[in-house]
Amino acid sequence: MATVTEKDVIRAALRAVSGLLQLPATQMWVDYDRKADVLYINLRRPPVVADGEMTEDGIIIRRQADEIVGITVLDASQRG
């Protein structure tokens, strides 16, 4: 396994910034399950039980009423 440097971490975080700032929340929580390769982005904490709709490309959009409260990305390591 390659060693991840401080510069690598900063570079990766900065690549994510512009996309994260476009989300409809000022606070968010991100969790990654490496074994399942699933990324969870919660726009509310704690995560609420919500209706989910899967898109054609394996993204689950979780809503409560008409508000997006979370996004689940399947096969996360295969994206971007």
C-alpha atoms as a PDB file:
ATOM      1  CA  MET A   1       0.000   0.000   0.000  1.00  0.00           C
ATOM      2  CA  ALA A   2       1.367   3.410  -0.971  1.00  0.00           C
ATOM      3  CA  THR A   3       2.156   5.919   1.733  1.00  0.00           C
ATOM      4  CA  VAL A   4      -0.221   8.878   1.734  1.00  0.00           C
ATOM      5  CA  THR A   5       1.554  12.139   2.428  1.00  0.00           C
ATOM      6  CA  GLU A   6       0.202  15.300   3.989  1.00  0.00           C
ATOM      7  CA  LYS A   7       0.336  16.953   0.556  1.00  0.00           C
ATOM      8  CA  ASP A   8      -1.737  14.090  -0.915  1.00  0.00           C
ATOM      9  CA  VAL A   9      -4.401  14.559   1.755  1.00  0.00           C
ATOM     10  CA  ILE A  10      -4.554  18.324   1.229  1.00  0.00           C
ATOM     11  CA  ARG A  11      -4.689  17.960  -2.557  1.00  0.00           C
ATOM     12  CA  ALA A  12      -7.542  15.436  -2.348  1.00  0.00           C
ATOM     13  CA  ALA A  13      -9.508  17.597   0.094  1.00  0.00           C
ATOM     14  CA  LEU A  14      -9.130  20.666  -2.108  1.00  0.00           C
ATOM     15  CA  ARG A  15     -10.418  18.740  -5.142  1.00  0.00           C
ATOM     16  CA  ALA A  16     -13.599  17.988  -3.169  1.00  0.00           C
ATOM     17  CA  VAL A  17     -14.211  21.551  -1.949  1.00  0.00           C
ATOM     18  CA  SER A  18     -15.959  23.051  -4.990  1.00  0.00           C
ATOM     19  CA  GLY A  19     -18.444  20.184  -5.223  1.00  0.00           C
ATOM     20  CA  LEU A  20     -19.171  20.142  -1.500  1.00  0.00           C
ATOM     21  CA  LEU A  21     -19.859  23.878  -1.466  1.00  0.00           C
ATOM     22  CA  GLN A  22     -22.617  23.351  -4.044  1.00  0.00           C
ATOM     23  CA  LEU A  23     -24.587  21.058  -1.727  1.00  0.00           C
ATOM     24  CA  PRO A  24     -27.682  22.557  -0.074  1.00  0.00           C
ATOM     25  CA  ALA A  25     -26.250  22.450   3.450  1.00  0.00           C
ATOM     26  CA  THR A  26     -23.830  24.402   5.568  1.00  0.00           C
ATOM     27  CA  GLN A  27     -22.970  21.326   7.629  1.00  0.00           C
ATOM     28  CA  MET A  28     -22.518  17.802   6.329  1.00  0.00           C
ATOM     29  CA  TRP A  29     -21.053  14.509   7.419  1.00  0.00           C
ATOM     30  CA  VAL A  30     -19.243  12.091   5.153  1.00  0.00           C
ATOM     31  CA  ASP A  31     -18.633   8.421   5.948  1.00  0.00           C
ATOM     32  CA  TYR A  32     -16.941   5.834   3.752  1.00  0.00           C
ATOM     33  CA  ASP A  33     -17.375   2.086   4.162  1.00  0.00           C
ATOM     34  CA  ARG A  34     -14.249   0.739   2.450  1.00  0.00           C
ATOM     35  CA  LYS A  35     -15.363  -2.909   2.629  1.00  0.00           C
ATOM     36  CA  ALA A  36     -18.703  -2.172   0.921  1.00  0.00           C
ATOM     37  CA  ASP A  37     -17.200   0.669  -1.183  1.00  0.00           C
ATOM     38  CA  VAL A  38     -20.073   2.969  -0.274  1.00  0.00           C
ATOM     39  CA  LEU A  39     -19.819   6.698   0.448  1.00  0.00           C
ATOM     40  CA  TYR A  40     -22.510   8.309   2.597  1.00  0.00           C
ATOM     41  CA  ILE A  41     -23.019  12.077   2.527  1.00  0.00           C
ATOM     42  CA  ASN A  42     -25.486  13.202   5.189  1.00  0.00           C
ATOM     43  CA  LEU A  43     -26.844  16.724   5.127  1.00  0.00           C
ATOM     44  CA  ARG A  44     -28.443  16.233   8.551  1.00  0.00           C
ATOM     45  CA  ARG A  45     -27.085  14.678  11.715  1.00  0.00           C
ATOM     46  CA  PRO A  46     -28.136  12.248  12.944  1.00  0.00           C
ATOM     47  CA  PRO A  47     -29.182  10.645   9.660  1.00  0.00           C
ATOM     48  CA  VAL A  48     -32.924  10.623   9.358  1.00  0.00           C
ATOM     49  CA  VAL A  49     -35.067   7.855   7.980  1.00  0.00           C
ATOM     50  CA  ALA A  50     -35.918   9.046   4.526  1.00  0.00           C
ATOM     51  CA  ASP A  51     -37.306   7.875   1.223  1.00  0.00           C
ATOM     52  CA  GLY A  52     -34.606   6.815  -1.207  1.00  0.00           C
ATOM     53  CA  GLU A  53     -34.512   6.834  -4.970  1.00  0.00           C
ATOM     54  CA  MET A  54     -31.706   5.185  -6.930  1.00  0.00           C
ATOM     55  CA  THR A  55     -30.512   6.862 -10.095  1.00  0.00           C
ATOM     56  CA  GLU A  56     -29.357   4.930 -13.157  1.00  0.00           C
ATOM     57  CA  ASP A  57     -25.716   5.412 -12.175  1.00  0.00           C
ATOM     58  CA  GLY A  58     -25.937   3.899  -8.664  1.00  0.00           C
ATOM     59  CA  ILE A  59     -26.509   7.008  -6.584  1.00  0.00           C
ATOM     60  CA  ILE A  60     -29.204   6.861  -3.928  1.00  0.00           C
ATOM     61  CA  ILE A  61     -30.813  10.219  -3.218  1.00  0.00           C
ATOM     62  CA  ARG A  62     -32.432  10.290   0.208  1.00  0.00           C
ATOM     63  CA  ARG A  63     -35.255  12.760   0.796  1.00  0.00           C
ATOM     64  CA  GLN A  64     -37.471  13.726   3.655  1.00  0.00           C
ATOM     65  CA  ALA A  65     -40.565  15.351   2.191  1.00  0.00           C
ATOM     66  CA  ASP A  66     -39.140  17.269  -0.787  1.00  0.00           C
ATOM     67  CA  GLU A  67     -35.784  18.062   0.842  1.00  0.00           C
ATOM     68  CA  ILE A  68     -32.604  16.128   0.007  1.00  0.00           C
ATOM     69  CA  VAL A  69     -31.146  14.947   3.314  1.00  0.00           C
ATOM     70  CA  GLY A  70     -28.459  12.606   2.043  1.00  0.00           C
ATOM     71  CA  ILE A  71     -26.720  10.932  -0.838  1.00  0.00           C
ATOM     72  CA  THR A  72     -25.348   7.396  -0.935  1.00  0.00           C
ATOM     73  CA  VAL A  73     -22.749   6.603  -3.599  1.00  0.00           C
ATOM     74  CA  LEU A  74     -22.374   2.924  -4.492  1.00  0.00           C
ATOM     75  CA  ASP A  75     -19.035   1.731  -5.945  1.00  0.00           C
ATOM     76  CA  ALA A  76     -17.531   4.985  -4.708  1.00  0.00           C
ATOM     77  CA  SER A  77     -13.898   4.108  -5.477  1.00  0.00           C
ATOM     78  CA  GLN A  78     -14.765   3.638  -9.156  1.00  0.00           C
ATOM     79  CA  ARG A  79     -15.862   7.270  -9.593  1.00  0.00           C
ATOM     80  CA  GLY A  80     -13.907  10.380 -10.420  1.00  0.00           C
END
